């Protein structure tokens, strides 16, 4: 086994650079990582990169961050994975926290209001674009299209919990794959990521498996115990010390549950978080949820960092004996902790067994079915956002035992509709990138707010 010769300090500088450039959701983040790690630095080869990526898609949590953990671990053992994964989240954590402070302290300022008004309109279109993008990759046959439609109807008409939708889709795919049904064996992993294909043998790490990366049940169980304690001890302490009705306890339990079922990418998770945080816990409004998603879209790091904003506002509104800003800051940090600590647990526990998992066609079929269902989940998110952002009033209608919220047409918000149409034209007709559209939409919102206040 050859020595790759990359000093730990140099690797951390590279991971900091990856983190700082990781805009644009998982696809953009993975592309940045591939360009720097595979094409530029040549640390690992194309096949190993894809093998790791396909494994990470099987795990709950943000796949781009887990890919960083995996490659960091592959290169520099446990501390490499810890630093790479932490650095990947850190810029987003700091940026979202700063924007959250601005949001609650200066949210009534006309310019800030206009900024977030513009963001809402563009983010709505970006969620629609995500439906089309994921759908194009995942819905390769009528069986997968049927799964997507069933997932949408289950959520939109029957309020079936998101974890149940994902579980059922995974089971359908798993047993379909085991039965050898062609519809479920059409893939579910990623194809090639970049244009330059580096062979594993030509990379610094080489094509052999490092000694520390070989299956080791004792190490896997030990590291799992450590991260279980880091994750669950704070949750238990909050429950015992503050009681089940305290906002910090609720935050820790809800986002811990979310960390277990976050299959299918950020937008699928956000559909679950948005509806729970808005409709059940009343921590945020639908508009505020879109504001948070806009923050996450325009800052580096995983899109799931929007959960930090949700936890921030939840504690801001129920600060108890603390000052609202201190409580909110702690609520945001607590949310990030229970969201991302499990990512290290899943990765470190299973990473040495990647080869075995990659060869399991039934697991690959389960992933493909989940990805198909996620299209329906994201479509439900897009419809839910559109109803709440474009219309001031909704009315509940019951038909054949089904209750559905429909818009009151004369309550439509015409400025938001106009800005959303403009963003859609920019993205779908002129193929502008996400960041330029978000920035232009935000500036248009500021101009509109200043015009109204003049």
Protein backbone atom coordinates (compact mmCIF):
# COMPACT_ATOMS: atom_id res chain seq x y z
CA UNK A 1 0.00 0.00 0.00
CA UNK A 2 1.67 3.23 -1.11
CA UNK A 3 1.78 6.34 1.11
CA UNK A 4 -0.34 9.09 -0.43
CA UNK A 5 2.01 11.73 0.99
CA UNK A 6 -0.64 14.39 1.71
CA UNK A 7 0.08 16.07 5.09
CA UNK A 8 -2.90 16.46 7.40
CA UNK A 9 -2.51 20.24 7.58
CA UNK A 10 -2.50 20.58 3.80
CA UNK A 11 -5.59 18.37 3.55
CA UNK A 12 -7.46 20.59 6.02
CA UNK A 13 -6.69 23.65 3.87
CA UNK A 14 -8.14 21.82 0.88
CA UNK A 15 -11.28 20.83 2.81
CA UNK A 16 -11.70 24.44 3.98
CA UNK A 17 -11.56 25.52 0.33
CA UNK A 18 -14.12 22.86 -0.65
CA UNK A 19 -16.42 24.07 2.13
CA UNK A 20 -16.10 27.73 1.15
CA UNK A 21 -17.04 26.94 -2.47
CA UNK A 22 -19.89 24.53 -1.71
CA UNK A 23 -22.86 26.51 -2.99
CA UNK A 24 -25.88 25.37 -4.94
CA UNK A 25 -27.17 22.25 -3.23
CA UNK A 26 -25.84 18.67 -3.36
CA UNK A 27 -25.23 18.53 -7.13
CA UNK A 28 -23.10 21.68 -7.08
CA UNK A 29 -21.27 20.65 -3.91
CA UNK A 30 -20.42 17.19 -5.28
CA UNK A 31 -19.21 18.75 -8.53
CA UNK A 32 -16.91 21.14 -6.58
CA UNK A 33 -15.57 18.25 -4.51
CA UNK A 34 -14.93 16.16 -7.61
CA UNK A 35 -13.12 19.00 -9.39
CA UNK A 36 -10.83 19.71 -6.43
CA UNK A 37 -10.30 16.25 -4.90
CA UNK A 38 -10.24 14.07 -8.05
CA UNK A 39 -9.30 16.28 -10.98
CA UNK A 40 -7.02 18.86 -9.34
CA UNK A 41 -5.45 17.15 -6.31
CA UNK A 42 -5.79 13.56 -7.62
CA UNK A 43 -6.21 12.20 -4.10
CA UNK A 44 -8.62 9.43 -5.16
CA UNK A 45 -9.77 8.04 -8.51
CA UNK A 46 -13.11 8.29 -10.28
CA UNK A 47 -14.31 4.78 -9.40
CA UNK A 48 -13.58 5.19 -5.70
CA UNK A 49 -15.25 8.61 -5.67
CA UNK A 50 -18.42 7.20 -7.26
CA UNK A 51 -18.36 4.15 -5.00
CA UNK A 52 -18.27 6.43 -1.96
CA UNK A 53 -20.96 8.72 -3.38
CA UNK A 54 -23.33 5.86 -4.14
CA UNK A 55 -22.86 4.59 -0.59
CA UNK A 56 -23.57 8.03 0.87
CA UNK A 57 -26.87 8.22 -1.03
CA UNK A 58 -28.00 5.13 0.91
CA UNK A 59 -27.56 6.95 4.22
CA UNK A 60 -29.89 9.42 5.94
CA UNK A 61 -28.48 12.94 5.92
CA UNK A 62 -26.78 15.25 3.39
CA UNK A 63 -24.83 13.08 0.97
CA UNK A 64 -22.29 15.79 0.04
CA UNK A 65 -21.20 16.26 3.66
CA UNK A 66 -21.03 12.52 4.21
CA UNK A 67 -18.92 12.18 1.08
CA UNK A 68 -16.50 14.73 2.57
CA UNK A 69 -16.40 12.70 5.82
CA UNK A 70 -15.76 9.49 3.88
CA UNK A 71 -12.91 10.85 1.75
CA UNK A 72 -11.38 12.64 4.76
CA UNK A 73 -11.51 9.34 6.68
CA UNK A 74 -10.07 7.42 3.75
CA UNK A 75 -7.12 9.82 3.54
CA UNK A 76 -6.41 10.55 7.22
CA UNK A 77 -8.39 8.08 9.32
CA UNK A 78 -10.94 9.19 11.93
CA UNK A 79 -9.55 12.67 12.54
CA UNK A 80 -9.53 13.29 8.79
CA UNK A 81 -13.23 12.43 8.57
CA UNK A 82 -14.06 14.54 11.62
CA UNK A 83 -12.29 17.64 10.31
CA UNK A 84 -13.52 17.28 6.72
CA UNK A 85 -17.14 16.83 7.81
CA UNK A 86 -17.00 19.65 10.36
CA UNK A 87 -15.33 22.09 7.97
CA UNK A 88 -17.99 21.30 5.37
CA UNK A 89 -20.73 22.49 7.75
CA UNK A 90 -18.90 25.36 9.50
CA UNK A 91 -19.19 28.16 6.87
CA UNK A 92 -22.93 27.54 6.51
CA UNK A 93 -23.42 27.42 10.27
CA UNK A 94 -21.74 30.81 10.74
CA UNK A 95 -23.45 32.39 7.72
CA UNK A 96 -26.95 31.16 8.64
CA UNK A 97 -26.45 32.28 12.24
CA UNK A 98 -25.40 35.78 11.14
CA UNK A 99 -28.35 36.02 8.72
CA UNK A 100 -30.71 34.76 11.45
CA UNK A 101 -29.57 37.56 13.78
CA UNK A 102 -30.13 40.10 10.99
CA UNK A 103 -33.54 38.56 10.31
CA UNK A 104 -34.88 38.92 13.85
CA UNK A 105 -33.13 42.20 14.72
CA UNK A 106 -33.59 44.08 11.42
CA UNK A 107 -36.46 42.17 9.85
CA UNK A 108 -38.74 45.21 9.96
CA UNK A 109 -36.24 47.33 8.01
CA UNK A 110 -37.58 47.99 4.51
CA UNK A 111 -34.44 46.82 2.69
CA UNK A 112 -34.32 43.53 4.63
CA UNK A 113 -38.02 42.94 4.05
CA UNK A 114 -37.55 43.51 0.33
CA UNK A 115 -34.52 41.22 0.24
CA UNK A 116 -36.44 38.29 1.68
CA UNK A 117 -39.53 39.08 -0.40
CA UNK A 118 -37.42 38.63 -3.51
CA UNK A 119 -35.78 35.47 -2.18
CA UNK A 120 -39.16 33.80 -1.59
CA UNK A 121 -40.22 34.21 -5.20
CA UNK A 122 -36.99 32.78 -6.59
CA UNK A 123 -36.77 29.89 -4.12
CA UNK A 124 -40.29 28.81 -5.08
CA UNK A 125 -39.10 28.40 -8.69
CA UNK A 126 -35.90 26.63 -7.58
CA UNK A 127 -37.97 24.01 -5.74
CA UNK A 128 -40.01 23.45 -8.92
CA UNK A 129 -36.74 23.12 -10.87
CA UNK A 130 -35.59 20.50 -8.33
CA UNK A 131 -38.75 18.45 -9.05
CA UNK A 132 -37.93 18.42 -12.75
CA UNK A 133 -34.21 17.77 -12.27
CA UNK A 134 -34.63 14.86 -9.86
CA UNK A 135 -37.57 13.53 -11.85
CA UNK A 136 -35.54 13.41 -15.06
CA UNK A 137 -32.90 11.29 -13.33
CA UNK A 138 -35.16 9.07 -11.22
CA UNK A 139 -38.35 8.40 -13.21
CA UNK A 140 -36.99 6.05 -15.86
CA UNK A 141 -40.10 3.87 -16.23
CA UNK A 142 -43.80 3.77 -15.39
CA UNK A 143 -43.21 1.92 -12.12
CA UNK A 144 -41.02 4.76 -10.84
CA UNK A 145 -43.51 7.35 -12.09
CA UNK A 146 -46.25 5.48 -10.23
CA UNK A 147 -44.19 5.58 -7.01
CA UNK A 148 -43.69 9.33 -7.40
CA UNK A 149 -47.43 9.89 -8.00
CA UNK A 150 -48.37 7.69 -5.04
CA UNK A 151 -45.97 9.57 -2.77
CA UNK A 152 -47.43 12.93 -3.84
CA UNK A 153 -51.04 11.81 -3.33
CA UNK A 154 -50.25 10.20 0.03
CA UNK A 155 -48.77 13.44 1.31
CA UNK A 156 -51.05 15.99 -0.35
CA UNK A 157 -54.41 14.27 0.08
CA UNK A 158 -53.97 11.98 3.07
CA UNK A 159 -51.25 13.65 5.19
CA UNK A 160 -49.30 10.38 5.41
CA UNK A 161 -46.14 11.08 7.48
CA UNK A 162 -42.98 11.55 5.41
CA UNK A 163 -41.06 8.72 7.18
CA UNK A 164 -43.84 6.27 6.26
CA UNK A 165 -43.69 7.32 2.60
CA UNK A 166 -39.92 6.80 2.49
CA UNK A 167 -40.10 3.48 4.39
CA UNK A 168 -42.78 2.05 2.11
CA UNK A 169 -40.95 3.17 -1.05
CA UNK A 170 -37.71 1.63 0.22
CA UNK A 171 -39.41 -1.67 1.05
CA UNK A 172 -41.15 -1.79 -2.34
CA UNK A 173 -37.82 -1.18 -4.09
CA UNK A 174 -35.92 -3.64 -1.89
CA UNK A 175 -38.30 -6.54 -2.46
CA UNK A 176 -38.70 -5.61 -6.13
CA UNK A 177 -34.93 -5.72 -6.47
CA UNK A 178 -34.65 -9.04 -4.65
CA UNK A 179 -37.31 -10.46 -6.97
CA UNK A 180 -35.23 -9.34 -9.95
CA UNK A 181 -37.94 -7.07 -11.39
CA UNK A 182 -36.32 -5.02 -14.21
CA UNK A 183 -38.16 -1.80 -13.27
CA UNK A 184 -36.30 -1.70 -9.94
CA UNK A 185 -32.88 -2.65 -11.27
CA UNK A 186 -32.46 0.30 -13.63
CA UNK A 187 -30.11 2.02 -11.20
CA UNK A 188 -30.42 4.53 -8.40
CA UNK A 189 -26.81 5.50 -7.98
CA UNK A 190 -24.83 8.21 -9.73
CA UNK A 191 -23.18 8.07 -13.10
CA UNK A 192 -19.88 9.75 -13.84
CA UNK A 193 -19.48 13.12 -12.16
CA UNK A 194 -16.80 14.97 -14.13
CA UNK A 195 -15.37 15.10 -17.62
CA UNK A 196 -11.87 14.00 -16.58
CA UNK A 197 -11.83 10.35 -15.54
CA UNK A 198 -8.91 9.57 -13.20
CA UNK A 199 -8.17 5.85 -12.73
CA UNK A 200 -7.89 4.72 -9.11
CA UNK A 201 -4.41 3.32 -9.78
CA UNK A 202 -3.21 6.75 -10.94
CA UNK A 203 -4.46 8.58 -7.83
CA UNK A 204 -2.34 9.40 -4.79
CA UNK A 205 -4.24 6.89 -2.65
CA UNK A 206 -3.93 4.14 -5.28
CA UNK A 207 -6.43 1.38 -5.91
CA UNK A 208 -5.78 -0.73 -2.82
CA UNK A 209 -7.89 -0.35 0.31
CA UNK A 210 -5.98 1.35 3.18
CA UNK A 211 -5.52 -0.85 6.25
CA UNK A 212 -7.75 1.36 8.43
CA UNK A 213 -10.57 1.19 5.82
CA UNK A 214 -10.96 -2.58 5.92
CA UNK A 215 -13.98 -4.02 7.77
CA UNK A 216 -13.41 -3.93 11.53
CA UNK A 217 -16.46 -4.71 13.64
CA UNK A 218 -14.77 -3.70 16.89
CA UNK A 219 -13.81 -0.26 15.56
CA UNK A 220 -17.26 0.28 14.03
CA UNK A 221 -19.04 -0.56 17.30
CA UNK A 222 -16.66 1.60 19.35
CA UNK A 223 -17.04 4.67 17.16
CA UNK A 224 -20.80 4.13 17.03
CA UNK A 225 -20.97 4.11 20.84
CA UNK A 226 -19.03 7.40 21.03
CA UNK A 227 -21.30 9.20 18.56
CA UNK A 228 -24.47 7.75 20.06
CA UNK A 229 -23.43 9.25 23.40
CA UNK A 230 -22.57 12.60 21.79
CA UNK A 231 -25.94 12.63 20.07
CA UNK A 232 -28.36 11.23 22.64
CA UNK A 233 -26.92 12.29 26.01
CA UNK A 234 -27.73 15.99 25.41
CA UNK A 235 -31.24 15.02 24.26
CA UNK A 236 -31.83 12.93 27.40
CA UNK A 237 -30.35 15.66 29.63
CA UNK A 238 -32.71 18.27 28.18
CA UNK A 239 -35.70 15.98 28.62
CA UNK A 240 -34.83 15.17 32.25
CA UNK A 241 -33.76 18.71 33.16
CA UNK A 242 -36.36 20.81 31.35
CA UNK A 243 -39.26 18.44 30.68
CA UNK A 244 -40.90 17.30 27.48
CA UNK A 245 -42.80 20.56 26.84
CA UNK A 246 -39.73 22.82 26.79
CA UNK A 247 -38.85 24.20 23.36
CA UNK A 248 -35.23 22.97 23.59
CA UNK A 249 -36.41 19.45 24.39
CA UNK A 250 -38.86 19.55 21.48
CA UNK A 251 -36.13 20.82 19.13
CA UNK A 252 -33.70 18.09 20.18
CA UNK A 253 -36.26 15.28 19.84
CA UNK A 254 -37.82 16.45 16.57
CA UNK A 255 -34.56 17.05 14.73
CA UNK A 256 -33.11 13.82 16.12
CA UNK A 257 -36.07 11.97 14.62
CA UNK A 258 -35.52 13.86 11.37
CA UNK A 259 -31.87 12.77 11.30
CA UNK A 260 -32.99 9.13 11.18
CA UNK A 261 -35.40 9.50 8.25
CA UNK A 262 -33.64 12.11 6.08
CA UNK A 263 -33.39 9.92 2.98
CA UNK A 264 -33.81 11.38 -0.47
CA UNK A 265 -31.94 14.66 -0.31
CA UNK A 266 -32.45 18.08 1.17
CA UNK A 267 -35.69 19.04 -0.58
CA UNK A 268 -37.42 15.85 0.53
CA UNK A 269 -36.39 16.51 4.12
CA UNK A 270 -37.49 20.12 3.91
CA UNK A 271 -40.98 19.04 2.87
CA UNK A 272 -41.20 17.10 6.13
CA UNK A 273 -39.58 19.79 8.28
CA UNK A 274 -41.61 22.61 6.74
CA UNK A 275 -44.98 21.03 7.35
CA UNK A 276 -44.10 19.86 10.86
CA UNK A 277 -42.52 23.16 11.90
CA UNK A 278 -45.35 25.24 10.41
CA UNK A 279 -48.47 23.17 10.97
CA UNK A 280 -47.69 21.11 14.10
CA UNK A 281 -45.19 23.07 16.17
CA UNK A 282 -45.96 26.59 14.86
CA UNK A 283 -42.29 27.50 15.14
CA UNK A 284 -42.23 29.30 11.77
CA UNK A 285 -44.61 30.43 9.04
CA UNK A 286 -44.47 29.10 5.49
CA UNK A 287 -42.99 32.43 4.36
CA UNK A 288 -40.29 32.26 7.02
CA UNK A 289 -39.48 28.71 5.93
CA UNK A 290 -38.90 29.99 2.40
CA UNK A 291 -36.75 32.80 3.80
CA UNK A 292 -34.62 30.20 5.58
CA UNK A 293 -34.33 28.11 2.44
CA UNK A 294 -33.23 31.23 0.59
CA UNK A 295 -30.50 31.75 3.18
CA UNK A 296 -29.33 28.15 2.76
CA UNK A 297 -29.38 28.41 -1.05
CA UNK A 298 -27.15 31.51 -1.03
CA UNK A 299 -24.60 30.38 1.57
CA UNK A 300 -22.01 27.57 1.41
CA UNK A 301 -22.76 24.20 2.97
CA UNK A 302 -25.63 21.69 2.96
CA UNK A 303 -29.14 22.97 2.20
CA UNK A 304 -30.31 21.17 5.32
CA UNK A 305 -28.65 24.01 7.27
CA UNK A 306 -32.06 25.69 6.96
CA UNK A 307 -33.03 23.57 9.97
CA UNK A 308 -30.73 25.78 12.07
CA UNK A 309 -32.89 28.77 11.12
CA UNK A 310 -36.03 26.86 12.16
CA UNK A 311 -34.52 25.98 15.55
CA UNK A 312 -33.35 29.59 15.93
CA UNK A 313 -36.85 31.02 15.43
CA UNK A 314 -38.46 28.32 17.58
CA UNK A 315 -36.33 29.29 20.59
CA UNK A 316 -36.64 33.02 19.76
CA UNK A 317 -40.39 32.72 20.24
CA UNK A 318 -40.17 30.65 23.44
CA UNK A 319 -37.05 31.97 25.23
CA UNK A 320 -38.19 31.22 28.77
CA UNK A 321 -36.02 33.06 31.31
CA UNK A 322 -33.27 33.80 28.75
CA UNK A 323 -32.99 36.76 26.43
CA UNK A 324 -34.64 35.92 23.09
CA UNK A 325 -31.38 36.31 21.14
CA UNK A 326 -29.40 34.02 23.46
CA UNK A 327 -32.18 31.42 23.46
CA UNK A 328 -32.42 31.61 19.66
CA UNK A 329 -28.68 31.20 19.22
CA UNK A 330 -28.65 28.16 21.50
CA UNK A 331 -31.71 26.75 19.71
CA UNK A 332 -29.98 27.08 16.34
CA UNK A 333 -26.77 25.45 17.59
CA UNK A 334 -28.73 22.62 19.26
CA UNK A 335 -30.57 21.97 15.99
CA UNK A 336 -27.31 21.77 14.05
CA UNK A 337 -25.78 19.45 16.65
CA UNK A 338 -28.58 16.85 16.61
CA UNK A 339 -28.88 17.13 12.80
CA UNK A 340 -25.22 16.53 11.95
CA UNK A 341 -23.75 14.36 14.71
CA UNK A 342 -25.77 11.36 13.41
CA UNK A 343 -24.18 11.88 9.97
CA UNK A 344 -20.78 11.02 11.45
CA UNK A 345 -22.32 8.01 13.21
CA UNK A 346 -23.87 6.51 10.04
CA UNK A 347 -20.74 7.11 8.00
CA UNK A 348 -18.12 5.83 10.43
CA UNK A 349 -20.20 2.77 11.31
CA UNK A 350 -20.74 1.64 7.73
CA UNK A 351 -17.79 3.03 5.77
CA UNK A 352 -15.58 -0.08 6.10
CA UNK A 353 -18.38 -2.18 4.59
CA UNK A 354 -18.89 -0.04 1.48
CA UNK A 355 -17.80 -2.75 -0.96
CA UNK A 356 -20.37 -5.19 0.42
CA UNK A 357 -23.17 -2.64 0.36
CA UNK A 358 -22.30 -1.45 -3.14
CA UNK A 359 -22.64 -4.99 -4.48
CA UNK A 360 -26.10 -5.46 -2.96
CA UNK A 361 -28.57 -4.98 -5.82
CA UNK A 362 -31.57 -5.04 -3.48
CA UNK A 363 -30.22 -2.03 -1.56
CA UNK A 364 -29.56 -0.25 -4.84
CA UNK A 365 -33.15 -0.94 -5.89
CA UNK A 366 -34.40 0.42 -2.56
CA UNK A 367 -32.42 3.60 -3.17
CA UNK A 368 -33.89 3.93 -6.66
CA UNK A 369 -37.45 3.54 -5.35
CA UNK A 370 -36.83 6.08 -2.58
CA UNK A 371 -35.43 8.54 -5.13
CA UNK A 372 -38.57 8.09 -7.25
CA UNK A 373 -40.83 8.69 -4.25
CA UNK A 374 -38.79 11.77 -3.41
CA UNK A 375 -39.93 13.36 -6.69
CA UNK A 376 -43.48 13.20 -5.36
CA UNK A 377 -42.32 14.51 -1.99
CA UNK A 378 -40.60 17.54 -3.56
CA UNK A 379 -43.64 18.18 -5.77
CA UNK A 380 -45.75 18.26 -2.62
CA UNK A 381 -43.29 20.76 -1.12
CA UNK A 382 -43.51 22.95 -4.24
CA UNK A 383 -47.34 22.92 -4.20
CA UNK A 384 -47.42 23.60 -0.45
CA UNK A 385 -45.00 26.53 -0.77
CA UNK A 386 -46.88 27.94 -3.77
CA UNK A 387 -50.23 27.85 -1.96
CA UNK A 388 -48.85 29.57 1.13
CA UNK A 389 -46.67 32.15 -0.62
CA UNK A 390 -48.78 33.13 -3.63
CA UNK A 391 -52.13 33.32 -1.80
CA UNK A 392 -53.03 35.20 1.38
CA UNK A 393 -56.04 32.97 2.16
CA UNK A 394 -56.65 29.23 1.94
CA UNK A 395 -59.88 27.38 2.61
CA UNK A 396 -60.24 23.75 3.70
CA UNK A 397 -62.49 21.72 1.39
CA UNK A 398 -63.77 18.23 2.21
CA UNK A 399 -64.67 15.81 -0.59
CA UNK A 400 -65.21 12.04 -0.27
CA UNK A 401 -63.71 12.13 3.20
CA UNK A 402 -60.56 13.93 2.02
CA UNK A 403 -59.71 17.40 3.36
CA UNK A 404 -57.66 19.63 1.05
CA UNK A 405 -56.59 23.25 1.42
CA UNK A 406 -57.41 25.24 -1.72
CA UNK A 407 -56.51 28.86 -2.47
CA UNK A 408 -58.94 31.76 -2.42
CA UNK A 409 -58.19 33.04 -5.94
CA UNK A 410 -58.84 36.73 -5.26
CA UNK A 411 -56.26 36.65 -2.45
CA UNK A 412 -53.36 36.09 -4.86
CA UNK A 413 -50.20 38.12 -4.26
CA UNK A 414 -49.58 39.60 -7.72
CA UNK A 415 -46.09 41.05 -7.06
CA UNK A 416 -44.85 37.67 -5.80
CA UNK A 417 -46.45 35.91 -8.78
CA UNK A 418 -44.81 38.35 -11.22
CA UNK A 419 -41.38 37.92 -9.63
CA UNK A 420 -41.75 34.13 -9.60
CA UNK A 421 -42.66 34.14 -13.31
CA UNK A 422 -39.61 36.29 -14.04
CA UNK A 423 -37.39 33.88 -12.09
CA UNK A 424 -38.91 30.92 -13.94
CA UNK A 425 -38.21 32.54 -17.32
CA UNK A 426 -34.60 33.24 -16.26
CA UNK A 427 -34.02 29.64 -15.12
CA UNK A 428 -36.00 27.62 -17.67
CA UNK A 429 -35.80 29.81 -20.78
CA UNK A 430 -32.44 31.54 -20.47
CA UNK A 431 -30.69 28.88 -18.33
CA UNK A 432 -29.33 31.33 -15.77
CA UNK A 433 -27.66 29.78 -12.73
CA UNK A 434 -29.34 29.57 -9.33
CA UNK A 435 -27.13 32.12 -7.53
CA UNK A 436 -27.52 34.90 -10.16
CA UNK A 437 -31.31 34.39 -10.16
CA UNK A 438 -31.47 34.51 -6.36
CA UNK A 439 -29.38 37.68 -6.26
CA UNK A 440 -31.36 39.39 -9.04
CA UNK A 441 -34.67 38.43 -7.44
CA UNK A 442 -33.48 39.74 -4.06
CA UNK A 443 -32.43 43.06 -5.62
CA UNK A 444 -35.79 43.33 -7.40
CA UNK A 445 -37.49 42.74 -4.05
CA UNK A 446 -35.45 45.52 -2.44
CA UNK A 447 -36.33 47.95 -5.25
CA UNK A 448 -40.01 47.06 -4.94
CA UNK A 449 -39.97 47.52 -1.13
CA UNK A 450 -38.23 50.90 -1.42
CA UNK A 451 -40.77 51.96 -4.07
CA UNK A 452 -43.68 51.07 -1.78
CA UNK A 453 -42.15 52.93 1.19
CA UNK A 454 -41.36 56.08 -0.84
